[in-house]
Protein backbone atom coordinates (compact mmCIF):
# COMPACT_ATOMS: atom_id res chain seq x y z
CA UNK A 1 -0.21 -7.02 -22.41
CA UNK A 2 -3.63 -6.15 -21.67
CA UNK A 3 -3.31 -7.52 -18.13
CA UNK A 4 -0.69 -4.94 -17.36
CA UNK A 5 -2.24 -1.84 -19.10
CA UNK A 6 -6.10 -2.40 -18.29
CA UNK A 7 -5.69 -1.37 -14.52
CA UNK A 8 -3.56 1.66 -15.45
CA UNK A 9 -6.63 3.21 -16.95
CA UNK A 10 -7.73 4.07 -13.63
CA UNK A 11 -5.79 7.04 -11.82
CA UNK A 12 -6.12 5.64 -8.28
CA UNK A 13 -4.47 2.60 -9.53
CA UNK A 14 -1.77 4.60 -11.15
CA UNK A 15 -1.15 6.65 -8.01
CA UNK A 16 -0.95 3.57 -5.82
CA UNK A 17 1.87 2.23 -8.04
CA UNK A 18 3.82 5.43 -7.97
CA UNK A 19 3.20 5.43 -4.15
CA UNK A 20 4.64 2.08 -3.67
CA UNK A 21 7.58 2.82 -5.83
CA UNK A 22 8.27 5.75 -3.73
CA UNK A 23 7.82 4.28 -0.62
CA UNK A 24 9.96 0.91 -1.31
CA UNK A 25 12.76 3.58 -2.24
CA UNK A 26 12.36 5.66 1.08
CA UNK A 27 12.02 2.46 3.28
CA UNK A 28 15.12 1.03 1.67
CA UNK A 29 17.34 4.18 2.46
CA UNK A 30 16.12 3.62 6.33
CA UNK A 31 15.48 0.01 6.39
CA UNK A 32 19.19 -1.02 5.53
CA UNK A 33 20.45 0.56 8.80
CA UNK A 34 17.38 -0.90 10.64
CA UNK A 35 18.66 -4.52 9.68
CA UNK A 36 22.04 -3.68 10.06
CA UNK A 37 21.75 -2.49 13.72
CA UNK A 38 19.06 -5.06 14.75
CA UNK A 39 16.49 -2.48 15.06
CA UNK A 40 13.70 -4.51 13.41
CA UNK A 41 11.25 -4.02 16.39
CA UNK A 42 11.41 -0.31 15.74
CA UNK A 43 9.24 -0.06 12.50
CA UNK A 44 6.29 -1.62 14.38
CA UNK A 45 6.97 0.15 17.59
CA UNK A 46 7.25 3.61 15.78
CA UNK A 47 3.81 3.05 14.14
CA UNK A 48 2.11 2.62 17.12
CA UNK A 49 4.03 5.18 19.16
CA UNK A 50 2.90 7.86 17.12
CA UNK A 51 -0.66 7.20 18.27
CA UNK A 52 -0.90 10.14 20.98
CA UNK A 53 0.08 12.36 18.49
CA UNK A 54 -2.58 11.50 16.13
CA UNK A 55 -5.21 11.34 18.83
CA UNK A 56 -4.07 14.80 20.01
CA UNK A 57 -4.08 16.36 16.86
CA UNK A 58 -7.48 14.96 16.04
CA UNK A 59 -8.80 16.14 19.42
CA UNK A 60 -7.40 19.55 18.80
CA UNK A 61 -8.78 19.51 15.13
CA UNK A 62 -5.44 19.92 13.91
CA UNK A 63 -3.28 18.14 11.38
CA UNK A 64 -2.82 14.56 11.88
CA UNK A 65 0.37 14.31 10.07
CA UNK A 66 2.03 17.17 11.98
CA UNK A 67 0.82 15.58 15.25
CA UNK A 68 2.34 12.07 14.13
CA UNK A 69 5.51 13.65 13.09
CA UNK A 70 5.85 15.50 16.70
CA UNK A 71 5.33 12.13 18.55
CA UNK A 72 7.68 10.46 16.22
CA UNK A 73 10.54 12.96 17.15
CA UNK A 74 9.65 12.61 20.94
CA UNK A 75 9.47 9.01 20.75
CA UNK A 76 13.06 8.84 18.96
CA UNK A 77 14.64 11.24 21.61
CA UNK A 78 12.84 9.28 24.44
CA UNK A 79 14.41 5.85 23.16
CA UNK A 80 17.87 7.36 22.97
CA UNK A 81 17.88 9.17 26.09
CA UNK A 82 16.44 6.07 28.05
CA UNK A 83 18.85 3.81 26.24
CA UNK A 84 21.94 6.03 27.26
CA UNK A 85 20.93 6.62 30.91
CA UNK A 86 19.61 3.28 31.82
CA UNK A 87 22.26 1.10 30.24
CA UNK A 88 19.72 -1.10 28.80
CA UNK A 89 19.90 -2.68 25.38
CA UNK A 90 18.04 -0.39 22.66
CA UNK A 91 15.20 -2.87 22.13
CA UNK A 92 14.33 -2.75 25.63
CA UNK A 93 14.13 0.98 25.37
CA UNK A 94 11.98 0.79 22.39
CA UNK A 95 9.68 -1.48 24.32
CA UNK A 96 9.43 0.88 27.16
CA UNK A 97 8.57 3.84 25.11
CA UNK A 98 6.54 2.21 22.74
CA UNK A 99 4.14 0.80 25.25
CA UNK A 100 4.17 4.19 27.19
CA UNK A 101 3.20 6.08 24.04
CA UNK A 102 0.71 3.78 22.83
CA UNK A 103 -1.14 3.75 26.46
CA UNK A 104 -1.17 7.51 26.47
CA UNK A 105 -2.73 7.34 22.86
CA UNK A 106 -5.69 4.97 24.21
CA UNK A 107 -6.22 7.33 27.09
CA UNK A 108 -6.32 10.34 25.18
CA UNK A 109 -8.55 8.51 22.63
CA UNK A 110 -10.99 7.60 25.46
CA UNK A 111 -11.88 11.26 25.81
CA UNK A 112 -12.74 11.64 22.25
CA UNK A 113 -16.57 11.87 21.47
CA UNK A 114 -16.42 9.70 18.40
CA UNK A 115 -13.80 7.62 16.31
CA UNK A 116 -13.90 9.33 13.08
CA UNK A 117 -13.26 7.77 9.52
CA UNK A 118 -10.42 10.01 9.12
CA UNK A 119 -8.48 8.91 12.12
CA UNK A 120 -9.13 5.26 11.12
CA UNK A 121 -8.14 5.77 7.73
CA UNK A 122 -4.68 7.17 9.01
CA UNK A 123 -3.73 4.48 11.16
CA UNK A 124 -5.02 1.57 8.61
CA UNK A 125 -3.79 3.10 5.33
CA UNK A 126 -5.16 2.72 1.85
CA UNK A 127 -2.81 2.46 -0.98
CA UNK A 128 -5.53 3.00 -3.49
CA UNK A 129 -6.50 6.20 -1.71
CA UNK A 130 -3.35 8.11 -2.13
CA UNK A 131 -3.49 11.71 -3.54
CA UNK A 132 -1.17 13.65 -5.73
CA UNK A 133 -0.42 15.55 -2.95
CA UNK A 134 0.60 12.32 -1.01
CA UNK A 135 2.84 11.64 -3.90
CA UNK A 136 4.67 14.92 -3.92
CA UNK A 137 5.02 14.75 -0.02
CA UNK A 138 6.58 11.27 -0.27
CA UNK A 139 8.94 12.48 -2.79
CA UNK A 140 10.18 15.50 -1.03
CA UNK A 141 10.63 13.31 2.14
CA UNK A 142 12.43 10.62 0.05
CA UNK A 143 14.74 13.55 -1.37
CA UNK A 144 15.30 14.94 2.11
CA UNK A 145 16.17 11.63 3.94
CA UNK A 146 18.28 10.42 1.09
CA UNK A 147 20.13 13.41 1.00
CA UNK A 148 21.09 13.20 5.01
CA UNK A 149 21.82 9.65 5.07
CA UNK A 150 24.32 10.26 2.04
CA UNK A 151 25.75 13.39 3.74
CA UNK A 152 26.41 11.40 7.04
CA UNK A 153 26.70 7.87 5.65
CA UNK A 154 30.45 7.30 6.50
CA UNK A 155 30.06 9.06 10.44
CA UNK A 156 27.21 6.87 10.79
CA UNK A 157 28.72 3.68 9.99
CA UNK A 158 31.67 4.30 12.35
CA UNK A 159 29.29 5.35 14.87
CA UNK A 160 27.12 2.19 14.33
CA UNK A 161 29.81 -0.23 14.43
CA UNK A 162 32.50 1.02 16.24
CA UNK A 163 31.07 3.93 18.80
CA UNK A 164 34.35 3.97 20.85
CA UNK A 165 36.54 4.91 17.78
CA UNK A 166 33.91 7.31 16.67
CA UNK A 167 34.01 9.03 19.98
CA UNK A 168 37.86 8.95 19.74
CA UNK A 169 37.93 10.84 16.52
CA UNK A 170 35.23 13.43 17.85
CA UNK A 171 32.12 12.33 16.18
CA UNK A 172 28.91 13.00 18.00
CA UNK A 173 27.60 9.39 18.42
CA UNK A 174 24.58 10.26 20.40
CA UNK A 175 23.47 13.10 18.09
CA UNK A 176 24.07 10.70 15.15
CA UNK A 177 21.93 7.89 17.12
CA UNK A 178 19.32 10.16 17.68
CA UNK A 179 19.03 11.77 14.06
CA UNK A 180 18.82 8.23 12.62
CA UNK A 181 15.97 7.49 15.09
CA UNK A 182 14.18 10.59 14.00
CA UNK A 183 14.50 9.83 10.45
CA UNK A 184 13.16 6.10 10.89
CA UNK A 185 10.43 7.80 12.97
CA UNK A 186 9.76 10.18 9.84
CA UNK A 187 9.68 7.23 7.30
CA UNK A 188 7.10 5.43 9.38
CA UNK A 189 4.84 8.10 9.92
CA UNK A 190 4.66 8.83 6.15
CA UNK A 191 4.30 5.18 5.06
CA UNK A 192 1.84 4.52 7.70
CA UNK A 193 -0.29 7.21 6.30
CA UNK A 194 0.11 6.25 2.70
CA UNK A 195 0.08 2.46 2.90
CA UNK A 196 -0.61 1.59 6.46
CA UNK A 197 1.11 -0.22 9.54
CA UNK A 198 1.46 -3.77 8.22
CA UNK A 199 2.74 -2.86 4.83
CA UNK A 200 5.02 -0.22 6.39
CA UNK A 201 6.75 -2.69 8.33
CA UNK A 202 7.00 -5.00 5.43
CA UNK A 203 8.58 -2.57 3.25
CA UNK A 204 10.90 -1.48 5.96
CA UNK A 205 12.05 -4.85 7.34
CA UNK A 206 11.09 -7.48 5.17
CA UNK A 207 12.73 -6.13 1.69
CA UNK A 208 15.63 -4.80 3.46
CA UNK A 209 16.37 -8.36 5.30
CA UNK A 210 16.19 -9.99 1.90
CA UNK A 211 18.39 -7.80 0.50
CA UNK A 212 20.73 -8.26 3.32
CA UNK A 213 20.96 -12.10 2.57
CA UNK A 214 22.13 -11.14 -0.95
CA UNK A 215 23.97 -8.17 -1.10
CA UNK A 216 27.74 -7.46 0.24
CA UNK A 217 27.88 -3.85 0.66
CA UNK A 218 25.64 -1.01 2.25
CA UNK A 219 25.02 0.74 -1.14
CA UNK A 220 24.13 -2.75 -2.93
CA UNK A 221 21.77 -3.43 0.07
CA UNK A 222 19.95 -0.08 -0.28
CA UNK A 223 19.66 -0.62 -4.02
CA UNK A 224 18.37 -4.25 -3.81
CA UNK A 225 15.87 -3.39 -0.96
CA UNK A 226 14.34 -0.59 -2.98
CA UNK A 227 14.21 -2.95 -6.14
CA UNK A 228 12.72 -6.11 -4.25
CA UNK A 229 10.04 -3.77 -2.57
CA UNK A 230 9.18 -2.23 -6.04
CA UNK A 231 8.81 -5.69 -7.52
CA UNK A 232 6.87 -6.99 -4.63
CA UNK A 233 4.51 -3.72 -4.48
CA UNK A 234 3.73 -3.67 -8.05
CA UNK A 235 3.31 -7.48 -8.33
CA UNK A 236 1.08 -7.28 -5.17
CA UNK A 237 -1.14 -4.33 -6.55
CA UNK A 238 -1.84 -6.15 -9.72
CA UNK A 239 -2.70 -9.54 -7.83
CA UNK A 240 -4.91 -7.71 -5.48
CA UNK A 241 -6.68 -6.11 -8.31
CA UNK A 242 -7.34 -9.28 -10.46
CA UNK A 243 -8.05 -11.46 -7.35
CA UNK A 244 -10.31 -8.68 -5.61
CA UNK A 245 -7.98 -8.97 -2.21
CA UNK A 246 -6.85 -6.37 0.11
CA UNK A 247 -3.92 -4.52 -1.53
CA UNK A 248 -1.90 -3.90 1.46
CA UNK A 249 -1.95 -7.43 2.90
CA UNK A 250 -1.39 -8.88 -0.83
CA UNK A 251 1.65 -6.77 -1.11
CA UNK A 252 2.93 -8.18 2.22
CA UNK A 253 2.38 -11.88 1.43
CA UNK A 254 4.44 -11.10 -1.84
CA UNK A 255 7.22 -9.37 -0.03
CA UNK A 256 7.32 -12.54 2.33
CA UNK A 257 7.61 -14.82 -0.73
CA UNK A 258 10.36 -12.66 -2.21
CA UNK A 259 12.38 -13.11 1.23
CA UNK A 260 11.87 -16.80 1.58
CA UNK A 261 13.12 -17.06 -2.14
CA UNK A 262 16.18 -14.85 -1.17
CA UNK A 263 16.80 -17.32 2.07
CA UNK A 264 16.43 -20.14 0.02
CA UNK A 265 18.89 -18.92 -2.80
CA UNK A 266 21.20 -17.90 0.20
CA UNK A 267 21.41 -21.19 1.47
CA UNK A 268 22.23 -22.57 -1.74
CA UNK A 269 25.62 -20.73 -2.00
């Protein structure tokens, strides 16, 4: 029992556990839609596409999170606009906007006098450095995103899998798609700030993909993704504590192992 309780004497470890649980739930809410709609590329793309917003806020001595959120919204709207007007598949639109935004961030960064620790921490993330304010922010975003997705779930399902019928009944398909992309961007920005790019993508994609293999409905998929992400996060944190390894990378490896187990279980059915 002391193996479980000893790390809890440290506040930073307890906050990291709470952050992983919140982020797992938050990522499950949008990760299910990402996997079902074949948008797995968007998690990594969004985490890089917000780069110019972060750099811009840094150069203007503003709030990095606000800058990232502005860039996320612009990225989401840009992906939707290019996809609709060009006729290209959405993954192509994601790639175009992602590369362009990231390149813009690099150009902007080249004008910065120094690359500070604050900026690198935002990009890399550190689960063990989560503050109480970060936890409250994560809780607020989880409630907001959960509330919005619950309110539009039926409409979003129809728009996602039968857009022709959705338009026929008068649903604003384009607005629903843009709203979903904005919510994904919001979740990515928050999770990247808390736990880093690699773990953010793992929680957004890997846990939801594992849940997709085992669940038969959207609701069950979200609940299972949240549970798997939480189990992987907590297990990974404890392993990193006792093995003295990087927490984010350790959690990613545990999540990957959980996915492989889900895949093996699915094949036996």
